[in-house]
Amino acid sequence: MREIAFVSTAIVSALLTVWMGVRYCRKVVRGDAHPPIATWFIFEIGIVMSLITYLTSHEHNVVKSITNAVDLFAVGAIFTTLLVMRRRGEKFPATKEERENQRWCFRIITCAFLLWAASHNPWVANVSFQVVMIVAYWPMVKRLRRWREEKSPEPFDAWAVSATASFFGLCAALIGGGGLAVFYPLRSVIFCCAILRLIKQIERRNSSSAI
C-alpha cells in the first residue's frame, strides 16, 4: 500500500509540473505573464545543481526527487520561451536590483559548488542550492510588491498548480523515507504559496480600487 501511495503521489506531481510548465509558457507567449528572466535563469541552475548533488548522495532515488527531476524540463522550457520572446522583441528588462541579485546568486552557487567539490557532502551542497533558489525569488517578489497595473505579472493558476505539484512531490519524498529529497519540494511549496499570496494581494487591491 505504501509503495502504491509513493508512486501515485510522484506521478501526480510529475503530471502537474508538466502542466504548469506548458501553461506558463503559453501565458508568456500570449503576453499574460511578465516574469523577470533572471529569476528563471537562476532557477534552472539551482534545479540542475540540486538534482546533481542529490543523485550523488547514497540515498538517491529519482521517484523521491520527482519534483526536482521534472522541474528540470518545465523550468528549462519556461526559460527557453523567455529567451525566444526576448529575441522576438518582447521586453523582459533586468533592473539594477535584479542584476545585483543575480550576482549574489552566482556567488552562492560558486561557494556551494566549491564546498561540494571539497567535501563531497551532498547535504551541504543541496541545501546551499535551495538557498540560491530562495534568493532567486527576490526579483519576482519585489516586482509583485511594486506592481501597480491592473493585471498581475504572474499567472495565479500556474503558480497554484506548481504549489500543488510540489506538495505531492513532498508527500512522495516523505512516504519514500524523507531525507535529502524533502528539501527541494518543501522549499518549493513555501515559496509558491508566498507568490500566490502576493498575486492575491494585487487582485484584492485592483478589485477594491474598481469599486
N, C-alpha and C. Protein backbone atom coordinates (compact mmCIF):
# COMPACT_ATOMS: atom_id res chain seq x y z
N MET A 1 0.83 -1.21 0.00
CA MET A 1 0.00 0.00 0.00
C MET A 1 0.87 1.26 0.00
N ARG A 2 1.91 1.22 0.81
CA ARG A 2 2.81 2.37 0.89
C ARG A 2 3.50 2.61 -0.46
N GLU A 3 3.88 1.52 -1.12
CA GLU A 3 4.55 1.64 -2.41
C GLU A 3 3.62 2.26 -3.46
N ILE A 4 2.34 1.89 -3.40
CA ILE A 4 1.35 2.45 -4.34
C ILE A 4 1.20 3.95 -4.09
N ALA A 5 1.09 4.34 -2.81
CA ALA A 5 0.97 5.75 -2.46
C ALA A 5 2.21 6.52 -2.89
N PHE A 6 3.38 5.91 -2.72
CA PHE A 6 4.66 6.53 -3.08
C PHE A 6 4.71 6.84 -4.58
N VAL A 7 4.40 5.84 -5.39
CA VAL A 7 4.45 6.00 -6.84
C VAL A 7 3.34 6.92 -7.33
N SER A 8 2.14 6.79 -6.75
CA SER A 8 0.99 7.60 -7.18
C SER A 8 1.22 9.08 -6.94
N THR A 9 1.71 9.45 -5.76
CA THR A 9 1.97 10.86 -5.47
C THR A 9 3.06 11.42 -6.38
N ALA A 10 4.05 10.60 -6.69
CA ALA A 10 5.13 11.03 -7.59
C ALA A 10 4.59 11.28 -9.01
N ILE A 11 3.72 10.39 -9.47
CA ILE A 11 3.15 10.54 -10.82
C ILE A 11 2.29 11.80 -10.90
N VAL A 12 1.46 12.03 -9.87
CA VAL A 12 0.61 13.24 -9.83
C VAL A 12 1.49 14.49 -9.85
N SER A 13 2.55 14.49 -9.05
CA SER A 13 3.47 15.63 -9.01
C SER A 13 4.09 15.88 -10.38
N ALA A 14 4.52 14.82 -11.05
CA ALA A 14 5.15 14.95 -12.36
C ALA A 14 4.18 15.52 -13.40
N LEU A 15 2.96 14.99 -13.42
CA LEU A 15 1.96 15.45 -14.40
C LEU A 15 1.58 16.91 -14.17
N LEU A 16 1.41 17.28 -12.91
CA LEU A 16 1.06 18.67 -12.59
C LEU A 16 2.21 19.62 -12.95
N THR A 17 3.43 19.18 -12.73
CA THR A 17 4.59 20.02 -13.06
C THR A 17 4.68 20.25 -14.56
N VAL A 18 4.45 19.20 -15.34
CA VAL A 18 4.44 19.35 -16.80
C VAL A 18 3.33 20.31 -17.23
N TRP A 19 2.15 20.14 -16.65
CA TRP A 19 1.02 21.02 -16.98
C TRP A 19 1.36 22.47 -16.65
N MET A 20 1.99 22.69 -15.50
CA MET A 20 2.37 24.04 -15.09
C MET A 20 3.34 24.65 -16.10
N GLY A 21 4.34 23.87 -16.52
CA GLY A 21 5.33 24.36 -17.48
C GLY A 21 4.69 24.77 -18.80
N VAL A 22 3.79 23.92 -19.30
CA VAL A 22 3.09 24.23 -20.57
C VAL A 22 2.22 25.47 -20.40
N ARG A 23 1.49 25.53 -19.29
CA ARG A 23 0.59 26.67 -19.03
C ARG A 23 1.36 27.98 -18.92
N TYR A 24 2.47 27.94 -18.21
CA TYR A 24 3.27 29.16 -18.01
C TYR A 24 3.85 29.64 -19.35
N CYS A 25 4.35 28.71 -20.14
CA CYS A 25 4.91 29.07 -21.45
C CYS A 25 3.85 29.74 -22.33
N ARG A 26 2.65 29.19 -22.32
CA ARG A 26 1.56 29.78 -23.10
C ARG A 26 1.23 31.18 -22.62
N LYS A 27 1.27 31.39 -21.30
CA LYS A 27 0.99 32.71 -20.74
C LYS A 27 2.05 33.72 -21.18
N VAL A 28 3.31 33.27 -21.21
CA VAL A 28 4.40 34.16 -21.64
C VAL A 28 4.23 34.53 -23.12
N VAL A 29 3.94 33.55 -23.95
CA VAL A 29 3.78 33.78 -25.39
C VAL A 29 2.62 34.73 -25.66
N ARG A 30 1.55 34.59 -24.90
CA ARG A 30 0.36 35.44 -25.10
C ARG A 30 0.51 36.83 -24.47
N GLY A 31 1.58 37.03 -23.71
CA GLY A 31 1.77 38.31 -23.06
C GLY A 31 1.00 38.46 -21.76
N ASP A 32 0.53 37.33 -21.22
CA ASP A 32 -0.22 37.35 -19.96
C ASP A 32 0.68 37.18 -18.74
N ALA A 33 1.95 36.94 -18.95
CA ALA A 33 2.92 36.81 -17.86
C ALA A 33 4.14 37.65 -18.20
N HIS A 34 4.66 38.35 -17.20
CA HIS A 34 5.82 39.23 -17.41
C HIS A 34 6.87 38.95 -16.32
N PRO A 35 7.46 37.76 -16.38
CA PRO A 35 8.40 37.36 -15.31
C PRO A 35 9.79 37.95 -15.52
N PRO A 36 10.53 38.14 -14.42
CA PRO A 36 11.94 38.54 -14.55
C PRO A 36 12.76 37.36 -15.05
N ILE A 37 13.40 37.53 -16.17
CA ILE A 37 14.13 36.42 -16.80
C ILE A 37 15.28 35.92 -15.92
N ALA A 38 15.85 36.84 -15.12
CA ALA A 38 16.96 36.45 -14.23
C ALA A 38 16.52 35.39 -13.23
N THR A 39 15.28 35.50 -12.75
CA THR A 39 14.77 34.53 -11.77
C THR A 39 14.74 33.13 -12.37
N TRP A 40 14.24 33.00 -13.59
CA TRP A 40 14.12 31.68 -14.20
C TRP A 40 15.48 31.12 -14.62
N PHE A 41 16.41 32.00 -14.95
CA PHE A 41 17.76 31.55 -15.27
C PHE A 41 18.42 30.94 -14.03
N ILE A 42 18.29 31.64 -12.89
CA ILE A 42 18.86 31.12 -11.65
C ILE A 42 18.13 29.87 -11.19
N PHE A 43 16.81 29.85 -11.39
CA PHE A 43 16.05 28.63 -11.07
C PHE A 43 16.63 27.42 -11.79
N GLU A 44 16.88 27.58 -13.08
CA GLU A 44 17.37 26.45 -13.87
C GLU A 44 18.73 25.97 -13.36
N ILE A 45 19.62 26.89 -13.04
CA ILE A 45 20.92 26.50 -12.49
C ILE A 45 20.74 25.78 -11.15
N GLY A 46 19.90 26.36 -10.29
CA GLY A 46 19.65 25.75 -8.98
C GLY A 46 19.05 24.37 -9.09
N ILE A 47 18.14 24.20 -10.04
CA ILE A 47 17.50 22.89 -10.24
C ILE A 47 18.51 21.86 -10.71
N VAL A 48 19.33 22.23 -11.68
CA VAL A 48 20.35 21.31 -12.21
C VAL A 48 21.30 20.87 -11.10
N MET A 49 21.81 21.84 -10.34
CA MET A 49 22.79 21.52 -9.30
C MET A 49 22.15 20.78 -8.13
N SER A 50 20.88 21.12 -7.80
CA SER A 50 20.17 20.38 -6.74
C SER A 50 20.04 18.92 -7.12
N LEU A 51 19.66 18.67 -8.37
CA LEU A 51 19.47 17.29 -8.82
C LEU A 51 20.79 16.54 -8.87
N ILE A 52 21.84 17.19 -9.37
CA ILE A 52 23.15 16.53 -9.45
C ILE A 52 23.65 16.16 -8.06
N THR A 53 23.58 17.12 -7.12
CA THR A 53 24.08 16.84 -5.77
C THR A 53 23.24 15.78 -5.06
N TYR A 54 21.93 15.76 -5.35
CA TYR A 54 21.08 14.72 -4.75
C TYR A 54 21.42 13.35 -5.31
N LEU A 55 21.60 13.28 -6.63
CA LEU A 55 21.89 11.99 -7.26
C LEU A 55 23.26 11.43 -6.88
N THR A 56 24.15 12.29 -6.37
CA THR A 56 25.46 11.80 -5.91
C THR A 56 25.42 11.29 -4.47
N SER A 57 24.28 11.50 -3.79
CA SER A 57 24.16 11.02 -2.41
C SER A 57 23.85 9.53 -2.41
N HIS A 58 24.14 8.87 -1.31
CA HIS A 58 23.94 7.42 -1.24
C HIS A 58 22.46 7.05 -1.22
N GLU A 59 21.57 8.01 -0.87
CA GLU A 59 20.15 7.72 -0.75
C GLU A 59 19.35 8.07 -2.00
N HIS A 60 20.05 8.40 -3.09
CA HIS A 60 19.36 8.94 -4.26
C HIS A 60 18.30 7.97 -4.80
N ASN A 61 17.19 8.60 -5.20
CA ASN A 61 16.06 7.88 -5.75
C ASN A 61 15.28 8.86 -6.61
N VAL A 62 15.19 8.61 -7.90
CA VAL A 62 14.56 9.55 -8.82
C VAL A 62 13.09 9.78 -8.49
N VAL A 63 12.40 8.73 -8.02
CA VAL A 63 10.98 8.87 -7.69
C VAL A 63 10.80 9.80 -6.50
N LYS A 64 11.66 9.68 -5.48
CA LYS A 64 11.58 10.56 -4.31
C LYS A 64 11.87 12.00 -4.69
N SER A 65 12.71 12.22 -5.68
CA SER A 65 13.08 13.57 -6.10
C SER A 65 12.35 13.98 -7.38
N ILE A 66 11.12 13.46 -7.55
CA ILE A 66 10.39 13.67 -8.80
C ILE A 66 10.16 15.14 -9.11
N THR A 67 9.88 15.95 -8.08
CA THR A 67 9.64 17.37 -8.31
C THR A 67 10.87 18.03 -8.91
N ASN A 68 12.02 17.74 -8.33
CA ASN A 68 13.28 18.28 -8.83
C ASN A 68 13.57 17.81 -10.25
N ALA A 69 13.35 16.53 -10.50
CA ALA A 69 13.68 15.96 -11.81
C ALA A 69 12.80 16.54 -12.92
N VAL A 70 11.49 16.62 -12.71
CA VAL A 70 10.59 17.11 -13.75
C VAL A 70 10.69 18.64 -13.89
N ASP A 71 10.97 19.32 -12.78
CA ASP A 71 11.18 20.77 -12.83
C ASP A 71 12.32 21.14 -13.79
N LEU A 72 13.29 20.25 -13.90
CA LEU A 72 14.42 20.50 -14.80
C LEU A 72 13.93 20.81 -16.21
N PHE A 73 12.94 20.07 -16.65
CA PHE A 73 12.42 20.27 -18.01
C PHE A 73 11.38 21.39 -18.07
N ALA A 74 10.52 21.48 -17.06
CA ALA A 74 9.48 22.52 -17.05
C ALA A 74 10.09 23.91 -16.98
N VAL A 75 11.02 24.10 -16.05
CA VAL A 75 11.66 25.40 -15.90
C VAL A 75 12.56 25.69 -17.11
N GLY A 76 13.20 24.67 -17.64
CA GLY A 76 14.02 24.84 -18.84
C GLY A 76 13.17 25.33 -20.01
N ALA A 77 11.95 24.79 -20.13
CA ALA A 77 11.04 25.22 -21.20
C ALA A 77 10.62 26.67 -21.01
N ILE A 78 10.35 27.06 -19.75
CA ILE A 78 9.96 28.45 -19.47
C ILE A 78 11.10 29.41 -19.78
N PHE A 79 12.30 29.06 -19.35
CA PHE A 79 13.45 29.93 -19.59
C PHE A 79 13.73 30.05 -21.09
N THR A 80 13.63 28.95 -21.82
CA THR A 80 13.83 28.97 -23.27
C THR A 80 12.78 29.84 -23.96
N THR A 81 11.54 29.73 -23.50
CA THR A 81 10.46 30.56 -24.05
C THR A 81 10.73 32.04 -23.83
N LEU A 82 11.21 32.38 -22.64
CA LEU A 82 11.55 33.78 -22.34
C LEU A 82 12.67 34.27 -23.26
N LEU A 83 13.67 33.43 -23.51
CA LEU A 83 14.76 33.82 -24.42
C LEU A 83 14.25 34.05 -25.84
N VAL A 84 13.39 33.14 -26.30
CA VAL A 84 12.83 33.28 -27.66
C VAL A 84 12.00 34.55 -27.77
N MET A 85 11.18 34.83 -26.77
CA MET A 85 10.34 36.02 -26.78
C MET A 85 11.18 37.29 -26.73
N ARG A 86 12.28 37.23 -26.00
CA ARG A 86 13.18 38.40 -25.96
C ARG A 86 13.77 38.65 -27.34
N ARG A 87 14.17 37.60 -28.05
CA ARG A 87 14.73 37.76 -29.40
C ARG A 87 13.68 38.28 -30.39
N ARG A 88 12.43 37.98 -30.10
CA ARG A 88 11.36 38.45 -30.97
C ARG A 88 10.95 39.90 -30.67
N GLY A 89 11.63 40.47 -29.69
CA GLY A 89 11.37 41.88 -29.39
C GLY A 89 10.57 42.13 -28.15
N GLU A 90 10.11 41.05 -27.47
CA GLU A 90 9.40 41.25 -26.22
C GLU A 90 10.37 41.76 -25.16
N LYS A 91 9.88 42.61 -24.27
CA LYS A 91 10.76 43.23 -23.28
C LYS A 91 10.65 42.50 -21.95
N PHE A 92 11.77 41.95 -21.52
CA PHE A 92 11.89 41.36 -20.20
C PHE A 92 13.13 41.98 -19.55
N PRO A 93 13.06 43.29 -19.25
CA PRO A 93 14.25 44.00 -18.79
C PRO A 93 14.67 43.58 -17.39
N ALA A 94 15.96 43.63 -17.14
CA ALA A 94 16.51 43.36 -15.81
C ALA A 94 16.89 44.70 -15.18
N THR A 95 16.34 44.97 -14.00
CA THR A 95 16.67 46.20 -13.30
C THR A 95 18.04 46.07 -12.64
N LYS A 96 18.53 47.18 -12.12
CA LYS A 96 19.82 47.17 -11.42
C LYS A 96 19.77 46.23 -10.22
N GLU A 97 18.64 46.25 -9.50
CA GLU A 97 18.49 45.37 -8.33
C GLU A 97 18.48 43.91 -8.74
N GLU A 98 17.84 43.61 -9.87
CA GLU A 98 17.80 42.22 -10.35
C GLU A 98 19.18 41.74 -10.77
N ARG A 99 19.96 42.62 -11.37
CA ARG A 99 21.33 42.24 -11.75
C ARG A 99 22.18 42.00 -10.51
N GLU A 100 21.97 42.81 -9.47
CA GLU A 100 22.71 42.61 -8.22
C GLU A 100 22.30 41.29 -7.57
N ASN A 101 21.01 41.00 -7.61
CA ASN A 101 20.50 39.73 -7.10
C ASN A 101 21.14 38.56 -7.84
N GLN A 102 21.28 38.71 -9.16
CA GLN A 102 21.89 37.67 -9.99
C GLN A 102 23.34 37.45 -9.58
N ARG A 103 24.04 38.54 -9.31
CA ARG A 103 25.45 38.40 -8.88
C ARG A 103 25.55 37.66 -7.56
N TRP A 104 24.64 37.97 -6.62
CA TRP A 104 24.65 37.27 -5.34
C TRP A 104 24.37 35.78 -5.53
N CYS A 105 23.45 35.46 -6.41
CA CYS A 105 23.14 34.06 -6.69
C CYS A 105 24.36 33.32 -7.23
N PHE A 106 25.09 33.96 -8.14
CA PHE A 106 26.28 33.33 -8.70
C PHE A 106 27.36 33.14 -7.64
N ARG A 107 27.46 34.08 -6.71
CA ARG A 107 28.43 33.93 -5.62
C ARG A 107 28.08 32.73 -4.75
N ILE A 108 26.79 32.60 -4.41
CA ILE A 108 26.36 31.47 -3.59
C ILE A 108 26.54 30.17 -4.35
N ILE A 109 26.23 30.16 -5.64
CA ILE A 109 26.42 28.97 -6.47
C ILE A 109 27.88 28.54 -6.47
N THR A 110 28.78 29.52 -6.63
CA THR A 110 30.21 29.22 -6.65
C THR A 110 30.66 28.64 -5.32
N CYS A 111 30.21 29.26 -4.22
CA CYS A 111 30.58 28.76 -2.88
C CYS A 111 30.04 27.35 -2.64
N ALA A 112 28.78 27.14 -3.04
CA ALA A 112 28.17 25.82 -2.86
C ALA A 112 28.89 24.76 -3.67
N PHE A 113 29.26 25.11 -4.89
CA PHE A 113 29.97 24.16 -5.75
C PHE A 113 31.34 23.82 -5.17
N LEU A 114 32.06 24.83 -4.67
CA LEU A 114 33.37 24.60 -4.08
C LEU A 114 33.27 23.75 -2.81
N LEU A 115 32.23 24.01 -1.99
CA LEU A 115 32.01 23.20 -0.79
C LEU A 115 31.75 21.75 -1.16
N TRP A 116 30.95 21.57 -2.19
CA TRP A 116 30.63 20.21 -2.64
C TRP A 116 31.87 19.52 -3.19
N ALA A 117 32.66 20.24 -3.98
CA ALA A 117 33.88 19.67 -4.57
C ALA A 117 34.90 19.30 -3.49
N ALA A 118 34.96 20.13 -2.44
CA ALA A 118 35.96 19.91 -1.39
C ALA A 118 35.51 18.83 -0.40
N SER A 119 34.23 18.84 -0.05
CA SER A 119 33.76 17.93 0.99
C SER A 119 33.07 16.69 0.47
N HIS A 120 32.57 16.76 -0.79
CA HIS A 120 31.77 15.69 -1.38
C HIS A 120 30.56 15.38 -0.50
N ASN A 121 30.07 16.42 0.19
CA ASN A 121 28.91 16.28 1.07
C ASN A 121 27.66 16.78 0.34
N PRO A 122 26.80 15.89 -0.13
CA PRO A 122 25.62 16.33 -0.89
C PRO A 122 24.63 17.14 -0.07
N TRP A 123 24.61 16.91 1.26
CA TRP A 123 23.69 17.65 2.12
C TRP A 123 24.03 19.14 2.11
N VAL A 124 25.30 19.44 2.31
CA VAL A 124 25.74 20.84 2.35
C VAL A 124 25.45 21.52 1.01
N ALA A 125 25.81 20.85 -0.08
CA ALA A 125 25.64 21.43 -1.41
C ALA A 125 24.16 21.58 -1.76
N ASN A 126 23.36 20.55 -1.49
CA ASN A 126 21.96 20.59 -1.88
C ASN A 126 21.21 21.68 -1.13
N VAL A 127 21.44 21.79 0.17
CA VAL A 127 20.79 22.84 0.96
C VAL A 127 21.26 24.22 0.49
N SER A 128 22.54 24.33 0.12
CA SER A 128 23.06 25.60 -0.39
C SER A 128 22.36 26.01 -1.67
N PHE A 129 22.07 25.05 -2.54
CA PHE A 129 21.39 25.37 -3.79
C PHE A 129 19.92 25.71 -3.55
N GLN A 130 19.33 25.23 -2.47
CA GLN A 130 17.99 25.68 -2.11
C GLN A 130 18.02 27.15 -1.70
N VAL A 131 19.12 27.54 -1.03
CA VAL A 131 19.30 28.96 -0.67
C VAL A 131 19.41 29.81 -1.93
N VAL A 132 20.14 29.30 -2.93
CA VAL A 132 20.26 30.01 -4.21
C VAL A 132 18.88 30.26 -4.81
N MET A 133 18.04 29.25 -4.79
CA MET A 133 16.72 29.38 -5.39
C MET A 133 15.81 30.30 -4.58
N ILE A 134 16.01 30.33 -3.26
CA ILE A 134 15.26 31.28 -2.43
C ILE A 134 15.64 32.71 -2.79
N VAL A 135 16.95 32.96 -2.95
CA VAL A 135 17.42 34.29 -3.34
C VAL A 135 16.88 34.67 -4.72
N ALA A 136 16.77 33.68 -5.61
CA ALA A 136 16.29 33.94 -6.97
C ALA A 136 14.84 34.41 -7.01
N TYR A 137 14.06 34.09 -5.98
CA TYR A 137 12.67 34.56 -5.92
C TYR A 137 12.58 36.07 -5.70
N TRP A 138 13.65 36.66 -5.18
CA TRP A 138 13.56 38.04 -4.74
C TRP A 138 13.14 39.03 -5.84
N PRO A 139 13.71 38.97 -7.06
CA PRO A 139 13.24 39.89 -8.11
C PRO A 139 11.75 39.75 -8.40
N MET A 140 11.25 38.52 -8.38
CA MET A 140 9.83 38.28 -8.62
C MET A 140 8.98 38.85 -7.49
N VAL A 141 9.44 38.63 -6.25
CA VAL A 141 8.71 39.14 -5.09
C VAL A 141 8.65 40.67 -5.12
N LYS A 142 9.78 41.30 -5.41
CA LYS A 142 9.80 42.77 -5.45
C LYS A 142 8.93 43.30 -6.59
N ARG A 143 8.96 42.63 -7.72
CA ARG A 143 8.13 43.07 -8.83
C ARG A 143 6.65 42.97 -8.48
N LEU A 144 6.25 41.90 -7.82
CA LEU A 144 4.85 41.74 -7.43
C LEU A 144 4.45 42.78 -6.38
N ARG A 145 5.34 43.07 -5.45
CA ARG A 145 5.01 44.04 -4.40
C ARG A 145 4.89 45.46 -4.96
N ARG A 146 5.63 45.74 -6.02
CA ARG A 146 5.62 47.09 -6.59
C ARG A 146 4.64 47.23 -7.76
N TRP A 147 4.05 46.14 -8.19
CA TRP A 147 3.22 46.15 -9.38
C TRP A 147 1.97 47.02 -9.16
N ARG A 148 1.71 47.92 -10.08
CA ARG A 148 0.57 48.81 -9.97
C ARG A 148 -0.39 48.71 -11.16
N GLU A 149 -0.09 47.87 -12.11
CA GLU A 149 -1.00 47.69 -13.23
C GLU A 149 -2.15 46.77 -12.82
N GLU A 150 -3.17 46.74 -13.67
CA GLU A 150 -4.39 46.02 -13.29
C GLU A 150 -4.19 44.52 -13.18
N LYS A 151 -3.46 43.95 -14.12
CA LYS A 151 -3.30 42.50 -14.16
C LYS A 151 -1.95 42.09 -13.59
N SER A 152 -1.95 41.05 -12.77
CA SER A 152 -0.71 40.56 -12.15
C SER A 152 0.28 40.10 -13.23
N PRO A 153 1.59 40.35 -13.02
CA PRO A 153 2.59 39.88 -14.00
C PRO A 153 2.83 38.38 -13.91
N GLU A 154 2.28 37.74 -12.89
CA GLU A 154 2.45 36.29 -12.71
C GLU A 154 1.07 35.61 -12.75
N PRO A 155 0.95 34.48 -13.47
CA PRO A 155 -0.33 33.78 -13.57
C PRO A 155 -0.65 32.99 -12.31
N PHE A 156 -1.78 33.31 -11.69
CA PHE A 156 -2.18 32.65 -10.45
C PHE A 156 -2.36 31.14 -10.64
N ASP A 157 -3.03 30.76 -11.75
CA ASP A 157 -3.34 29.34 -11.95
C ASP A 157 -2.07 28.49 -12.08
N ALA A 158 -1.08 29.00 -12.80
CA ALA A 158 0.16 28.24 -12.98
C ALA A 158 0.89 28.05 -11.65
N TRP A 159 0.92 29.12 -10.83
CA TRP A 159 1.60 29.00 -9.53
C TRP A 159 0.81 28.12 -8.57
N ALA A 160 -0.52 28.14 -8.68
CA ALA A 160 -1.33 27.26 -7.83
C ALA A 160 -1.05 25.79 -8.17
N VAL A 161 -0.93 25.49 -9.47
CA VAL A 161 -0.61 24.12 -9.89
C VAL A 161 0.79 23.75 -9.44
N SER A 162 1.73 24.70 -9.53
CA SER A 162 3.10 24.44 -9.08
C SER A 162 3.15 24.12 -7.59
N ALA A 163 2.38 24.87 -6.79
CA ALA A 163 2.32 24.60 -5.35
C ALA A 163 1.74 23.22 -5.08
N THR A 164 0.70 22.85 -5.82
CA THR A 164 0.07 21.54 -5.65
C THR A 164 1.03 20.41 -6.06
N ALA A 165 1.72 20.62 -7.18
CA ALA A 165 2.70 19.63 -7.64
C ALA A 165 3.81 19.44 -6.62
N SER A 166 4.27 20.54 -6.05
CA SER A 166 5.34 20.47 -5.04
C SER A 166 4.85 19.76 -3.78
N PHE A 167 3.57 20.00 -3.43
CA PHE A 167 3.01 19.32 -2.26
C PHE A 167 3.01 17.81 -2.47
N PHE A 168 2.56 17.37 -3.65
CA PHE A 168 2.55 15.93 -3.93
C PHE A 168 3.99 15.39 -4.00
N GLY A 169 4.90 16.22 -4.52
CA GLY A 169 6.31 15.81 -4.53
C GLY A 169 6.86 15.66 -3.12
N LEU A 170 6.45 16.56 -2.23
CA LEU A 170 6.86 16.47 -0.82
C LEU A 170 6.30 15.20 -0.19
N CYS A 171 5.04 14.90 -0.50
CA CYS A 171 4.43 13.67 0.02
C CYS A 171 5.19 12.44 -0.47
N ALA A 172 5.58 12.45 -1.74
CA ALA A 172 6.33 11.31 -2.30
C ALA A 172 7.67 11.15 -1.59
N ALA A 173 8.35 12.28 -1.33
CA ALA A 173 9.64 12.23 -0.64
C ALA A 173 9.48 11.70 0.78
N LEU A 174 8.43 12.15 1.48
CA LEU A 174 8.21 11.71 2.87
C LEU A 174 7.80 10.25 2.93
N ILE A 175 6.91 9.83 2.02
CA ILE A 175 6.49 8.43 2.00
C ILE A 175 7.67 7.53 1.65
N GLY A 176 8.54 8.02 0.77
CA GLY A 176 9.70 7.24 0.34
C GLY A 176 10.82 7.18 1.37
N GLY A 177 10.66 7.89 2.47
CA GLY A 177 11.69 7.82 3.52
C GLY A 177 12.34 9.14 3.86
N GLY A 178 11.86 10.23 3.25
CA GLY A 178 12.36 11.56 3.61
C GLY A 178 13.82 11.76 3.22
N GLY A 179 14.58 12.32 4.15
CA GLY A 179 15.99 12.58 3.90
C GLY A 179 16.20 13.80 3.02
N LEU A 180 17.23 13.77 2.24
CA LEU A 180 17.65 14.91 1.42
C LEU A 180 16.60 15.31 0.38
N ALA A 181 15.81 14.36 -0.09
CA ALA A 181 14.82 14.63 -1.13
C ALA A 181 13.72 15.59 -0.67
N VAL A 182 13.57 15.76 0.64
CA VAL A 182 12.49 16.60 1.18
C VAL A 182 12.74 18.08 0.94
N PHE A 183 14.00 18.50 0.95
CA PHE A 183 14.32 19.93 0.95
C PHE A 183 13.80 20.65 -0.30
N TYR A 184 13.95 20.05 -1.46
CA TYR A 184 13.55 20.72 -2.70
C TYR A 184 12.04 21.00 -2.74
N PRO A 185 11.18 19.98 -2.59
CA PRO A 185 9.74 20.27 -2.65
C PRO A 185 9.25 21.12 -1.48
N LEU A 186 9.87 20.99 -0.30
CA LEU A 186 9.46 21.81 0.84
C LEU A 186 9.71 23.28 0.56
N ARG A 187 10.88 23.60 0.04
CA ARG A 187 11.19 24.99 -0.34
C ARG A 187 10.22 25.48 -1.40
N SER A 188 9.92 24.61 -2.35
CA SER A 188 9.03 24.99 -3.44
C SER A 188 7.61 25.28 -2.94
N VAL A 189 7.08 24.43 -2.07
CA VAL A 189 5.73 24.64 -1.52
C VAL A 189 5.64 25.99 -0.81
N ILE A 190 6.60 26.27 0.05
CA ILE A 190 6.59 27.50 0.84
C ILE A 190 6.61 28.73 -0.05
N PHE A 191 7.49 28.75 -1.04
CA PHE A 191 7.65 29.97 -1.84
C PHE A 191 6.59 30.08 -2.94
N CYS A 192 6.07 28.98 -3.42
CA CYS A 192 4.94 29.06 -4.36
C CYS A 192 3.74 29.68 -3.65
N CYS A 193 3.52 29.28 -2.40
CA CYS A 193 2.41 29.85 -1.62
C CYS A 193 2.64 31.33 -1.36
N ALA A 194 3.90 31.73 -1.14
CA ALA A 194 4.21 33.15 -0.94
C ALA A 194 3.90 33.96 -2.20
N ILE A 195 4.24 33.41 -3.38
CA ILE A 195 3.94 34.08 -4.64
C ILE A 195 2.44 34.19 -4.84
N LEU A 196 1.71 33.13 -4.52
CA LEU A 196 0.25 33.14 -4.65
C LEU A 196 -0.37 34.22 -3.76
N ARG A 197 0.16 34.37 -2.57
CA ARG A 197 -0.36 35.39 -1.65
C ARG A 197 -0.15 36.79 -2.22
N LEU A 198 1.01 37.04 -2.82
CA LEU A 198 1.29 38.35 -3.41
C LEU A 198 0.39 38.62 -4.62
N ILE A 199 0.14 37.59 -5.43
CA ILE A 199 -0.77 37.75 -6.57
C ILE A 199 -2.17 38.09 -6.09
N LYS A 200 -2.62 37.42 -5.03
CA LYS A 200 -3.94 37.69 -4.47
C LYS A 200 -4.03 39.12 -3.93
N GLN A 201 -2.95 39.61 -3.36
CA GLN A 201 -2.93 40.99 -2.87
C GLN A 201 -3.15 41.98 -4.01
N ILE A 202 -2.52 41.71 -5.16
CA ILE A 202 -2.71 42.57 -6.34
C ILE A 202 -4.17 42.52 -6.78
N GLU A 203 -4.75 41.32 -6.82
CA GLU A 203 -6.14 41.17 -7.25
C GLU A 203 -7.10 41.89 -6.30
N ARG A 204 -6.85 41.78 -4.98
CA ARG A 204 -7.70 42.46 -4.00
C ARG A 204 -7.57 43.97 -4.12
N ARG A 205 -6.36 44.45 -4.32
CA ARG A 205 -6.15 45.88 -4.44
C ARG A 205 -6.86 46.43 -5.67
N ASN A 206 -6.78 45.70 -6.77
CA ASN A 206 -7.43 46.15 -8.00
C ASN A 206 -8.95 46.10 -7.91
N SER A 207 -9.47 45.05 -7.22
CA SER A 207 -10.92 44.94 -7.08
C SER A 207 -11.48 46.03 -6.16
N SER A 208 -10.73 46.41 -5.11
CA SER A 208 -11.18 47.44 -4.20
C SER A 208 -11.12 48.82 -4.85
N SER A 209 -10.11 49.04 -5.71
CA SER A 209 -9.98 50.35 -6.37
C SER A 209 -11.02 50.50 -7.47
N ALA A 210 -11.56 49.38 -7.96
CA ALA A 210 -12.57 49.44 -9.02
C ALA A 210 -13.97 49.75 -8.50
N ILE A 211 -14.14 49.64 -7.17
CA ILE A 211 -15.45 49.89 -6.58
C ILE A 211 -15.76 51.39 -6.53
